[in-house]
Amino acid sequence: MSTSTLSRPRTSLPRTAPGRARRRNGGFASTFTVNALLILGCAYMVLPVLWLFFASTKNAADLYSTSAYAFGQPAFFENVASVLGQDGGVFLRWMANSMFYAAFGAIFGGLVSVMAGYAFDKFQFRGKDSFFGVVLVGVLIPNTATVLPMYLLASVFGITNTVWAILVPVLCNPFGVYLARVYSAAYVPAETLEAARVDGAGPIRSFFSLGLPMMMPGYITIALFQFVGVWNNFMLPLVMLQDQQLLPVSVGISIWQGYAIPQPEFTPMVITGSLLSVIPLLVAFIMLQRFWKSGLTAGSVK
């Protein structure tokens, strides 16, 4: 009687293909690069605000004798009281002016941009591409290059040193028009507008009843950009306005910064005022971020 032993087949782990290993290493390198760039970008944006927070807790002596990211003597509330009480509370007036200019530009300037972008996308008229080319050229021109021509125009109409010298220019935003045309092409189907036209709706009613609600994410985006741009605008009010009661907070703080050279006690006020001027921007983004979404009209066309 003979017995035979069956040999069990060998099992070996699958080898990773060289190409797959290279792809895995390349994916790790790209992920590391992207995350590193994101961390650097976050640090670039967060560290200055963090420095403002720590510096606003210091007096003039502690600003130059302590570490940049360290608390000084508990002087935050004293600095805030000094800012709010300077010149009879003119800082609050500057904040109110900035809020008014920025809100007007965001609401009405954003609406003008959305209407213009919608018209460029949905309407057909002579010279459409040429006019839109002019808008794109306006995107490339820096705002500081247009301050002097706008001042000359405002002086011709006699509106310098008035709120209209700030409100009228903020209604024009070439980048907002370009962005609105992109949103109109993406989120306003031509079939929906054609159905509204068949039902008897005119162009204006179609825009406000269908086009504007569908473009609401784009409108909110343009309004946020416009709000931040007008709030941070410096050259235009600096040239247009001479009355301190009409100045925005950006120009007002720069005046205090000039005072800080011969009077160092103004330095903590400049830093604390800069910190307080950031708060409305944070509140605006926090309140409007839930509206800042895309794809709200998915499936609207049956």
C-alpha atoms as a PDB file:
ATOM      1  CA  MET A   1       0.000   0.000   0.000  1.00  0.00           C
ATOM      2  CA  SER A   2       1.511   3.252  -1.106  1.00  0.00           C
ATOM      3  CA  THR A   3       0.652   6.659   0.025  1.00  0.00           C
ATOM      4  CA  SER A   4       1.089   9.857  -1.947  1.00  0.00           C
ATOM      5  CA  THR A   5       1.479  13.279  -0.500  1.00  0.00           C
ATOM      6  CA  LEU A   6      -0.338  16.073  -2.189  1.00  0.00           C
ATOM      7  CA  SER A   7       1.672  19.253  -2.276  1.00  0.00           C
ATOM      8  CA  ARG A   8      -0.213  22.423  -1.505  1.00  0.00           C
ATOM      9  CA  PRO A   9       0.280  25.071  -4.143  1.00  0.00           C
ATOM     10  CA  ARG A  10       2.449  27.953  -3.142  1.00  0.00           C
ATOM     11  CA  THR A  11       0.772  31.233  -2.368  1.00  0.00           C
ATOM     12  CA  SER A  12       2.601  34.422  -3.052  1.00  0.00           C
ATOM     13  CA  LEU A  13       1.595  38.009  -2.458  1.00  0.00           C
ATOM     14  CA  PRO A  14       0.800  39.942  -5.599  1.00  0.00           C
ATOM     15  CA  ARG A  15       3.529  42.262  -6.616  1.00  0.00           C
ATOM     16  CA  THR A  16       2.713  45.894  -7.093  1.00  0.00           C
ATOM     17  CA  ALA A  17       3.213  46.967 -10.625  1.00  0.00           C
ATOM     18  CA  PRO A  18       5.962  49.578 -11.044  1.00  0.00           C
ATOM     19  CA  GLY A  19       3.580  51.914 -12.860  1.00  0.00           C
ATOM     20  CA  ARG A  20       1.032  51.682 -10.070  1.00  0.00           C
ATOM     21  CA  ALA A  21       3.705  52.392  -7.447  1.00  0.00           C
ATOM     22  CA  ARG A  22       4.836  55.423  -9.376  1.00  0.00           C
ATOM     23  CA  ARG A  23       1.257  56.652  -9.625  1.00  0.00           C
ATOM     24  CA  ARG A  24       0.784  56.143  -5.894  1.00  0.00           C
ATOM     25  CA  ASN A  25       3.961  58.085  -5.124  1.00  0.00           C
ATOM     26  CA  GLY A  26       2.938  60.800  -7.554  1.00  0.00           C
ATOM     27  CA  GLY A  27      -0.504  61.032  -5.933  1.00  0.00           C
ATOM     28  CA  PHE A  28       1.075  61.440  -2.519  1.00  0.00           C
ATOM     29  CA  ALA A  29       3.386  64.165  -3.819  1.00  0.00           C
ATOM     30  CA  SER A  30       0.529  66.070  -5.438  1.00  0.00           C
ATOM     31  CA  THR A  31      -1.635  65.757  -2.312  1.00  0.00           C
ATOM     32  CA  PHE A  32       1.214  66.956  -0.113  1.00  0.00           C
ATOM     33  CA  THR A  33       1.877  69.904  -2.442  1.00  0.00           C
ATOM     34  CA  VAL A  34      -1.768  70.952  -2.525  1.00  0.00           C
ATOM     35  CA  ASN A  35      -2.164  70.688   1.249  1.00  0.00           C
ATOM     36  CA  ALA A  36       1.070  72.615   1.815  1.00  0.00           C
ATOM     37  CA  LEU A  37      -0.118  75.411  -0.476  1.00  0.00           C
ATOM     38  CA  LEU A  38      -3.473  75.505   1.306  1.00  0.00           C
ATOM     39  CA  ILE A  39      -1.742  75.741   4.683  1.00  0.00           C
ATOM     40  CA  LEU A  40       0.448  78.583   3.432  1.00  0.00           C
ATOM     41  CA  GLY A  41      -2.603  80.382   2.037  1.00  0.00           C
ATOM     42  CA  CYS A  42      -4.498  80.009   5.309  1.00  0.00           C
ATOM     43  CA  ALA A  43      -1.491  81.253   7.271  1.00  0.00           C
ATOM     44  CA  TYR A  44      -1.150  84.236   4.929  1.00  0.00           C
ATOM     45  CA  MET A  45      -4.774  85.217   5.602  1.00  0.00           C
ATOM     46  CA  VAL A  46      -5.152  84.254   9.265  1.00  0.00           C
ATOM     47  CA  LEU A  47      -1.850  85.385  10.790  1.00  0.00           C
ATOM     48  CA  PRO A  48      -2.367  89.147  10.154  1.00  0.00           C
ATOM     49  CA  VAL A  49      -5.823  89.033  11.745  1.00  0.00           C
ATOM     50  CA  LEU A  50      -4.422  87.019  14.633  1.00  0.00           C
ATOM     51  CA  TRP A  51      -1.678  89.628  15.072  1.00  0.00           C
ATOM     52  CA  LEU A  52      -4.326  92.368  15.146  1.00  0.00           C
ATOM     53  CA  PHE A  53      -6.136  90.518  17.916  1.00  0.00           C
ATOM     54  CA  PHE A  54      -3.028  90.182  20.085  1.00  0.00           C
ATOM     55  CA  ALA A  55      -1.794  93.713  19.349  1.00  0.00           C
ATOM     56  CA  SER A  56      -5.159  95.225  20.261  1.00  0.00           C
ATOM     57  CA  THR A  57      -4.664  93.995  23.836  1.00  0.00           C
ATOM     58  CA  LYS A  58      -1.463  96.039  24.270  1.00  0.00           C
ATOM     59  CA  ASN A  59      -0.676  99.628  25.025  1.00  0.00           C
ATOM     60  CA  ALA A  60       1.889 101.676  23.112  1.00  0.00           C
ATOM     61  CA  ALA A  61       4.795 100.467  25.276  1.00  0.00           C
ATOM     62  CA  ASP A  62       3.909  96.755  25.063  1.00  0.00           C
ATOM     63  CA  LEU A  63       3.662  96.867  21.259  1.00  0.00           C
ATOM     64  CA  TYR A  64       7.436  97.190  20.978  1.00  0.00           C
ATOM     65  CA  SER A  65       8.517  95.267  24.082  1.00  0.00           C
ATOM     66  CA  THR A  66       6.537  91.995  23.842  1.00  0.00           C
ATOM     67  CA  SER A  67       6.275  89.168  21.346  1.00  0.00           C
ATOM     68  CA  ALA A  68       4.070  89.690  18.314  1.00  0.00           C
ATOM     69  CA  TYR A  69       1.695  86.826  19.163  1.00  0.00           C
ATOM     70  CA  ALA A  70       1.491  87.330  22.918  1.00  0.00           C
ATOM     71  CA  PHE A  71      -0.968  89.145  25.125  1.00  0.00           C
ATOM     72  CA  GLY A  72       0.110  92.382  26.710  1.00  0.00           C
ATOM     73  CA  GLN A  73      -1.391  94.159  29.635  1.00  0.00           C
ATOM     74  CA  PRO A  74      -5.202  93.886  29.713  1.00  0.00           C
ATOM     75  CA  ALA A  75      -5.747  97.056  27.691  1.00  0.00           C
ATOM     76  CA  PHE A  76      -8.219  95.829  25.066  1.00  0.00           C
ATOM     77  CA  PHE A  77     -11.287  97.486  26.534  1.00  0.00           C
ATOM     78  CA  GLU A  78      -9.323 100.675  27.169  1.00  0.00           C
ATOM     79  CA  ASN A  79      -8.257 100.721  23.519  1.00  0.00           C
ATOM     80  CA  VAL A  80     -11.823 100.149  22.360  1.00  0.00           C
ATOM     81  CA  ALA A  81     -13.045 102.966  24.592  1.00  0.00           C
ATOM     82  CA  SER A  82     -10.376 105.272  23.191  1.00  0.00           C
ATOM     83  CA  VAL A  83     -11.347 104.406  19.622  1.00  0.00           C
ATOM     84  CA  LEU A  84     -15.057 104.955  20.213  1.00  0.00           C
ATOM     85  CA  GLY A  85     -14.545 108.152  22.178  1.00  0.00           C
ATOM     86  CA  GLN A  86     -12.025 109.868  19.916  1.00  0.00           C
ATOM     87  CA  ASP A  87     -13.283 113.143  18.389  1.00  0.00           C
ATOM     88  CA  GLY A  88     -16.796 112.673  19.714  1.00  0.00           C
ATOM     89  CA  GLY A  89     -17.246 109.137  18.372  1.00  0.00           C
ATOM     90  CA  VAL A  90     -16.212 109.852  14.773  1.00  0.00           C
ATOM     91  CA  PHE A  91     -15.118 106.210  14.371  1.00  0.00           C
ATOM     92  CA  LEU A  92     -18.724 105.049  14.616  1.00  0.00           C
ATOM     93  CA  ARG A  93     -19.612 107.588  11.945  1.00  0.00           C
ATOM     94  CA  TRP A  94     -16.896 106.202   9.700  1.00  0.00           C
ATOM     95  CA  MET A  95     -18.142 102.656  10.267  1.00  0.00           C
ATOM     96  CA  ALA A  96     -21.706 103.715   9.426  1.00  0.00           C
ATOM     97  CA  ASN A  97     -20.480 105.405   6.239  1.00  0.00           C
ATOM     98  CA  SER A  98     -18.570 102.304   5.173  1.00  0.00           C
ATOM     99  CA  MET A  99     -21.583 100.123   5.905  1.00  0.00           C
ATOM    100  CA  PHE A 100     -23.823 102.401   3.841  1.00  0.00           C
ATOM    101  CA  TYR A 101     -21.424 102.591   0.876  1.00  0.00           C
ATOM    102  CA  ALA A 102     -20.708  98.844   0.908  1.00  0.00           C
ATOM    103  CA  ALA A 103     -24.354  97.786   1.335  1.00  0.00           C
ATOM    104  CA  PHE A 104     -25.463 100.114  -1.455  1.00  0.00           C
ATOM    105  CA  GLY A 105     -22.771  98.769  -3.755  1.00  0.00           C
ATOM    106  CA  ALA A 106     -23.536  95.154  -2.857  1.00  0.00           C
ATOM    107  CA  ILE A 107     -27.307  95.386  -3.305  1.00  0.00           C
ATOM    108  CA  PHE A 108     -27.713  97.790  -6.208  1.00  0.00           C
ATOM    109  CA  GLY A 109     -24.319  97.351  -7.833  1.00  0.00           C
ATOM    110  CA  GLY A 110     -24.743  93.582  -7.700  1.00  0.00           C
ATOM    111  CA  LEU A 111     -28.223  93.877  -9.192  1.00  0.00           C
ATOM    112  CA  VAL A 112     -26.923  96.037 -12.056  1.00  0.00           C
ATOM    113  CA  SER A 113     -24.180  93.490 -12.739  1.00  0.00           C
ATOM    114  CA  VAL A 114     -26.663  90.600 -12.747  1.00  0.00           C
ATOM    115  CA  MET A 115     -29.013  92.422 -15.085  1.00  0.00           C
ATOM    116  CA  ALA A 116     -26.165  93.308 -17.453  1.00  0.00           C
ATOM    117  CA  GLY A 117     -24.766  89.771 -17.449  1.00  0.00           C
ATOM    118  CA  TYR A 118     -28.235  88.321 -18.050  1.00  0.00           C
ATOM    119  CA  ALA A 119     -28.744  90.694 -20.985  1.00  0.00           C
ATOM    120  CA  PHE A 120     -25.386  89.796 -22.526  1.00  0.00           C
ATOM    121  CA  ASP A 121     -26.232  86.101 -22.272  1.00  0.00           C
ATOM    122  CA  LYS A 122     -29.900  85.914 -23.251  1.00  0.00           C
ATOM    123  CA  PHE A 123     -30.506  88.894 -25.548  1.00  0.00           C
ATOM    124  CA  GLN A 124     -29.334  89.380 -29.108  1.00  0.00           C
ATOM    125  CA  PHE A 125     -28.462  92.888 -30.207  1.00  0.00           C
ATOM    126  CA  ARG A 126     -26.058  94.623 -32.553  1.00  0.00           C
ATOM    127  CA  GLY A 127     -22.539  94.994 -31.208  1.00  0.00           C
ATOM    128  CA  LYS A 128     -23.085  92.524 -28.392  1.00  0.00           C
ATOM    129  CA  ASP A 129     -19.631  90.939 -28.610  1.00  0.00           C
ATOM    130  CA  SER A 130     -17.930  94.319 -28.970  1.00  0.00           C
ATOM    131  CA  PHE A 131     -19.647  95.714 -25.885  1.00  0.00           C
ATOM    132  CA  PHE A 132     -18.760  92.628 -23.892  1.00  0.00           C
ATOM    133  CA  GLY A 133     -15.164  93.003 -25.045  1.00  0.00           C
ATOM    134  CA  VAL A 134     -15.183  96.498 -23.560  1.00  0.00           C
ATOM    135  CA  VAL A 135     -16.422  94.985 -20.290  1.00  0.00           C
ATOM    136  CA  LEU A 136     -13.536  92.498 -20.308  1.00  0.00           C
ATOM    137  CA  VAL A 137     -11.086  95.341 -20.885  1.00  0.00           C
ATOM    138  CA  GLY A 138     -12.603  97.060 -17.849  1.00  0.00           C
ATOM    139  CA  VAL A 139     -11.788  93.973 -15.779  1.00  0.00           C
ATOM    140  CA  LEU A 140      -8.111  94.359 -16.670  1.00  0.00           C
ATOM    141  CA  ILE A 141      -7.892  98.057 -15.739  1.00  0.00           C
ATOM    142  CA  PRO A 142      -6.990  98.596 -12.051  1.00  0.00           C
ATOM    143  CA  ASN A 143      -9.355 100.741 -10.028  1.00  0.00           C
ATOM    144  CA  THR A 144      -6.624 103.173  -9.075  1.00  0.00           C
ATOM    145  CA  ALA A 145      -6.139 104.088 -12.746  1.00  0.00           C
ATOM    146  CA  THR A 146      -9.746 105.300 -12.999  1.00  0.00           C
ATOM    147  CA  VAL A 147      -9.793 107.459  -9.857  1.00  0.00           C
ATOM    148  CA  LEU A 148      -8.505 110.643 -11.497  1.00  0.00           C
ATOM    149  CA  PRO A 149     -10.865 110.461 -14.534  1.00  0.00           C
ATOM    150  CA  MET A 150     -13.807 109.823 -12.204  1.00  0.00           C
ATOM    151  CA  TYR A 151     -12.796 112.778 -10.057  1.00  0.00           C
ATOM    152  CA  LEU A 152     -12.727 115.039 -13.128  1.00  0.00           C
ATOM    153  CA  LEU A 153     -16.184 113.791 -14.165  1.00  0.00           C
ATOM    154  CA  ALA A 154     -17.532 114.274 -10.650  1.00  0.00           C
ATOM    155  CA  SER A 155     -16.169 117.812 -10.547  1.00  0.00           C
ATOM    156  CA  VAL A 156     -17.926 118.584 -13.839  1.00  0.00           C
ATOM    157  CA  PHE A 157     -21.253 117.445 -12.378  1.00  0.00           C
ATOM    158  CA  GLY A 158     -20.545 119.109  -9.034  1.00  0.00           C
ATOM    159  CA  ILE A 159     -20.875 116.014  -6.862  1.00  0.00           C
ATOM    160  CA  THR A 160     -17.405 115.952  -5.305  1.00  0.00           C
ATOM    161  CA  ASN A 161     -17.345 115.816  -1.502  1.00  0.00           C
ATOM    162  CA  THR A 162     -20.827 114.234  -1.531  1.00  0.00           C
ATOM    163  CA  VAL A 163     -22.013 110.679  -1.032  1.00  0.00           C
ATOM    164  CA  TRP A 164     -22.919 110.502  -4.736  1.00  0.00           C
ATOM    165  CA  ALA A 165     -19.235 110.662  -5.628  1.00  0.00           C
ATOM    166  CA  ILE A 166     -18.932 107.226  -3.971  1.00  0.00           C
ATOM    167  CA  LEU A 167     -22.339 105.695  -4.718  1.00  0.00           C
ATOM    168  CA  VAL A 168     -22.407 106.258  -8.475  1.00  0.00           C
ATOM    169  CA  PRO A 169     -19.041 104.593  -9.292  1.00  0.00           C
ATOM    170  CA  VAL A 170     -19.795 101.495  -7.192  1.00  0.00           C
ATOM    171  CA  LEU A 171     -22.758 100.699  -9.453  1.00  0.00           C
ATOM    172  CA  CYS A 172     -20.305  99.693 -12.184  1.00  0.00           C
ATOM    173  CA  ASN A 173     -18.424  96.439 -11.680  1.00  0.00           C
ATOM    174  CA  PRO A 174     -17.023  94.872 -14.893  1.00  0.00           C
ATOM    175  CA  PHE A 175     -15.947  91.687 -13.148  1.00  0.00           C
ATOM    176  CA  GLY A 176     -19.444  91.318 -11.700  1.00  0.00           C
ATOM    177  CA  VAL A 177     -20.927  91.615 -15.206  1.00  0.00           C
ATOM    178  CA  TYR A 178     -18.592  88.923 -16.489  1.00  0.00           C
ATOM    179  CA  LEU A 179     -19.389  86.628 -13.561  1.00  0.00           C
ATOM    180  CA  ALA A 180     -23.118  87.231 -13.975  1.00  0.00           C
ATOM    181  CA  ARG A 181     -22.976  86.214 -17.643  1.00  0.00           C
ATOM    182  CA  VAL A 182     -21.262  82.969 -16.641  1.00  0.00           C
ATOM    183  CA  TYR A 183     -23.964  82.235 -14.037  1.00  0.00           C
ATOM    184  CA  SER A 184     -26.734  83.122 -16.478  1.00  0.00           C
ATOM    185  CA  ALA A 185     -25.387  80.715 -19.079  1.00  0.00           C
ATOM    186  CA  ALA A 186     -25.072  77.939 -16.481  1.00  0.00           C
ATOM    187  CA  TYR A 187     -28.243  78.310 -14.403  1.00  0.00           C
ATOM    188  CA  VAL A 188     -30.908  79.949 -16.588  1.00  0.00           C
ATOM    189  CA  PRO A 189     -32.113  77.475 -19.244  1.00  0.00           C
ATOM    190  CA  ALA A 190     -33.324  78.979 -22.489  1.00  0.00           C
ATOM    191  CA  GLU A 191     -36.251  76.515 -22.505  1.00  0.00           C
ATOM    192  CA  THR A 192     -37.624  78.012 -19.282  1.00  0.00           C
ATOM    193  CA  LEU A 193     -37.515  81.537 -20.695  1.00  0.00           C
ATOM    194  CA  GLU A 194     -39.122  80.352 -23.921  1.00  0.00           C
ATOM    195  CA  ALA A 195     -41.939  78.733 -21.948  1.00  0.00           C
ATOM    196  CA  ALA A 196     -42.433  81.979 -20.031  1.00  0.00           C
ATOM    197  CA  ARG A 197     -42.540  83.937 -23.290  1.00  0.00           C
ATOM    198  CA  VAL A 198     -45.196  81.579 -24.671  1.00  0.00           C
ATOM    199  CA  ASP A 199     -47.237  82.136 -21.495  1.00  0.00           C
ATOM    200  CA  GLY A 200     -47.136  85.876 -22.135  1.00  0.00           C
ATOM    201  CA  ALA A 201     -44.351  87.008 -19.800  1.00  0.00           C
ATOM    202  CA  GLY A 202     -42.259  89.893 -21.081  1.00  0.00           C
ATOM    203  CA  PRO A 203     -38.462  90.207 -20.747  1.00  0.00           C
ATOM    204  CA  ILE A 204     -38.597  92.198 -17.511  1.00  0.00           C
ATOM    205  CA  ARG A 205     -41.080  89.871 -15.836  1.00  0.00           C
ATOM    206  CA  SER A 206     -39.123  86.831 -17.018  1.00  0.00           C
ATOM    207  CA  PHE A 207     -35.973  88.210 -15.451  1.00  0.00           C
ATOM    208  CA  PHE A 208     -37.443  89.071 -12.059  1.00  0.00           C
ATOM    209  CA  SER A 209     -39.713  85.989 -11.865  1.00  0.00           C
ATOM    210  CA  LEU A 210     -37.369  83.352 -13.304  1.00  0.00           C
ATOM    211  CA  GLY A 211     -33.914  84.638 -14.139  1.00  0.00           C
ATOM    212  CA  LEU A 212     -33.082  86.416 -10.884  1.00  0.00           C
ATOM    213  CA  PRO A 213     -34.221  83.572  -8.555  1.00  0.00           C
ATOM    214  CA  MET A 214     -32.214  81.067 -10.611  1.00  0.00           C
ATOM    215  CA  MET A 215     -29.159  83.343 -10.507  1.00  0.00           C
ATOM    216  CA  MET A 216     -29.456  84.012  -6.787  1.00  0.00           C
ATOM    217  CA  PRO A 217     -26.219  82.127  -5.910  1.00  0.00           C
ATOM    218  CA  GLY A 218     -24.404  84.260  -8.464  1.00  0.00           C
ATOM    219  CA  TYR A 219     -26.064  87.410  -7.158  1.00  0.00           C
ATOM    220  CA  ILE A 220     -24.958  86.613  -3.600  1.00  0.00           C
ATOM    221  CA  THR A 221     -21.424  85.905  -4.804  1.00  0.00           C
ATOM    222  CA  ILE A 222     -21.219  89.167  -6.749  1.00  0.00           C
ATOM    223  CA  ALA A 223     -22.745  91.076  -3.820  1.00  0.00           C
ATOM    224  CA  LEU A 224     -20.127  89.669  -1.432  1.00  0.00           C
ATOM    225  CA  PHE A 225     -17.286  90.583  -3.769  1.00  0.00           C
ATOM    226  CA  GLN A 226     -18.757  94.037  -4.220  1.00  0.00           C
ATOM    227  CA  PHE A 227     -19.261  94.491  -0.474  1.00  0.00           C
ATOM    228  CA  VAL A 228     -15.648  93.612   0.278  1.00  0.00           C
ATOM    229  CA  GLY A 229     -14.360  95.741  -2.593  1.00  0.00           C
ATOM    230  CA  VAL A 230     -16.297  98.845  -1.561  1.00  0.00           C
ATOM    231  CA  TRP A 231     -15.489  98.340   2.130  1.00  0.00           C
ATOM    232  CA  ASN A 232     -11.753  98.154   1.380  1.00  0.00           C
ATOM    233  CA  ASN A 233     -11.841 100.938  -1.207  1.00  0.00           C
ATOM    234  CA  PHE A 234      -9.318 103.598  -0.290  1.00  0.00           C
ATOM    235  CA  MET A 235      -8.237 105.735  -3.249  1.00  0.00           C
ATOM    236  CA  LEU A 236     -11.686 106.776  -4.468  1.00  0.00           C
ATOM    237  CA  PRO A 237     -12.984 108.236  -1.155  1.00  0.00           C
ATOM    238  CA  LEU A 238      -9.548 109.670  -0.415  1.00  0.00           C
ATOM    239  CA  VAL A 239      -9.691 111.720  -3.625  1.00  0.00           C
ATOM    240  CA  MET A 240     -13.411 112.465  -3.698  1.00  0.00           C
ATOM    241  CA  LEU A 241     -14.137 113.400  -0.073  1.00  0.00           C
ATOM    242  CA  GLN A 242     -12.792 116.127   2.175  1.00  0.00           C
ATOM    243  CA  ASP A 243     -15.456 116.200   4.891  1.00  0.00           C
ATOM    244  CA  GLN A 244     -14.460 113.859   7.750  1.00  0.00           C
ATOM    245  CA  GLN A 245     -18.120 113.153   8.453  1.00  0.00           C
ATOM    246  CA  LEU A 246     -18.394 111.437   5.024  1.00  0.00           C
ATOM    247  CA  LEU A 247     -15.186 109.392   5.147  1.00  0.00           C
ATOM    248  CA  PRO A 248     -15.265 105.580   5.265  1.00  0.00           C
ATOM    249  CA  VAL A 249     -13.390 103.747   7.964  1.00  0.00           C
ATOM    250  CA  SER A 250     -10.459 102.846   5.684  1.00  0.00           C
ATOM    251  CA  VAL A 251      -9.598 106.505   5.055  1.00  0.00           C
ATOM    252  CA  GLY A 252     -10.336 107.501   8.652  1.00  0.00           C
ATOM    253  CA  ILE A 253      -7.905 104.942  10.076  1.00  0.00           C
ATOM    254  CA  SER A 254      -5.230 106.135   7.641  1.00  0.00           C
ATOM    255  CA  ILE A 255      -5.650 109.657   9.063  1.00  0.00           C
ATOM    256  CA  TRP A 256      -5.111 108.299  12.568  1.00  0.00           C
ATOM    257  CA  GLN A 257      -2.069 106.434  11.308  1.00  0.00           C
ATOM    258  CA  GLY A 258      -0.620 109.770  10.226  1.00  0.00           C
ATOM    259  CA  TYR A 259      -1.263 111.115  13.696  1.00  0.00           C
ATOM    260  CA  ALA A 260       0.577 108.120  15.216  1.00  0.00           C
ATOM    261  CA  ILE A 261       3.972 109.304  13.942  1.00  0.00           C
ATOM    262  CA  PRO A 262       4.236 112.342  16.242  1.00  0.00           C
ATOM    263  CA  GLN A 263       1.790 110.917  18.827  1.00  0.00           C
ATOM    264  CA  PRO A 264       2.536 107.221  19.587  1.00  0.00           C
ATOM    265  CA  GLU A 265      -0.625 106.877  21.682  1.00  0.00           C
ATOM    266  CA  PHE A 266      -2.581 106.732  18.421  1.00  0.00           C
ATOM    267  CA  THR A 267      -0.866 103.461  17.424  1.00  0.00           C
ATOM    268  CA  PRO A 268      -3.028 101.184  19.651  1.00  0.00           C
ATOM    269  CA  MET A 269      -6.092 103.056  18.394  1.00  0.00           C
ATOM    270  CA  VAL A 270      -5.113 102.393  14.769  1.00  0.00           C
ATOM    271  CA  ILE A 271      -4.623  98.679  15.485  1.00  0.00           C
ATOM    272  CA  THR A 272      -7.836  98.316  17.486  1.00  0.00           C
ATOM    273  CA  GLY A 273      -9.814 100.269  14.908  1.00  0.00           C
ATOM    274  CA  SER A 274      -8.456  98.003  12.167  1.00  0.00           C
ATOM    275  CA  LEU A 275      -9.584  94.955  14.142  1.00  0.00           C
ATOM    276  CA  LEU A 276     -13.068  96.402  14.643  1.00  0.00           C
ATOM    277  CA  SER A 277     -13.328  97.237  10.939  1.00  0.00           C
ATOM    278  CA  VAL A 278     -12.863  93.551  10.033  1.00  0.00           C
ATOM    279  CA  ILE A 279     -15.879  92.407  12.063  1.00  0.00           C
ATOM    280  CA  PRO A 280     -18.587  93.509   9.539  1.00  0.00           C
ATOM    281  CA  LEU A 281     -16.841  91.543   6.782  1.00  0.00           C
ATOM    282  CA  LEU A 282     -16.806  88.398   8.920  1.00  0.00           C
ATOM    283  CA  VAL A 283     -20.474  88.868   9.824  1.00  0.00           C
ATOM    284  CA  ALA A 284     -21.426  89.351   6.158  1.00  0.00           C
ATOM    285  CA  PHE A 285     -19.717  86.117   5.086  1.00  0.00           C
ATOM    286  CA  ILE A 286     -21.133  84.124   7.991  1.00  0.00           C
ATOM    287  CA  MET A 287     -24.696  85.346   7.381  1.00  0.00           C
ATOM    288  CA  LEU A 288     -24.635  84.859   3.595  1.00  0.00           C
ATOM    289  CA  GLN A 289     -22.654  81.652   3.288  1.00  0.00           C
ATOM    290  CA  ARG A 290     -25.786  79.483   3.352  1.00  0.00           C
ATOM    291  CA  PHE A 291     -27.015  81.308   0.241  1.00  0.00           C
ATOM    292  CA  TRP A 292     -23.658  80.947  -1.466  1.00  0.00           C
ATOM    293  CA  LYS A 293     -24.360  77.618  -3.121  1.00  0.00           C
ATOM    294  CA  SER A 294     -24.707  76.488  -6.685  1.00  0.00           C
ATOM    295  CA  GLY A 295     -26.914  74.033  -8.458  1.00  0.00           C
ATOM    296  CA  LEU A 296     -30.168  75.229  -6.893  1.00  0.00           C
ATOM    297  CA  THR A 297     -31.959  74.948 -10.240  1.00  0.00           C
ATOM    298  CA  ALA A 298     -30.970  71.370 -10.988  1.00  0.00           C
ATOM    299  CA  GLY A 299     -33.937  69.610 -12.527  1.00  0.00           C
ATOM    300  CA  SER A 300     -35.957  72.768 -13.060  1.00  0.00           C
ATOM    301  CA  VAL A 301     -36.374  71.993 -16.756  1.00  0.00           C
ATOM    302  CA  LYS A 302     -38.760  69.128 -17.288  1.00  0.00           C
END
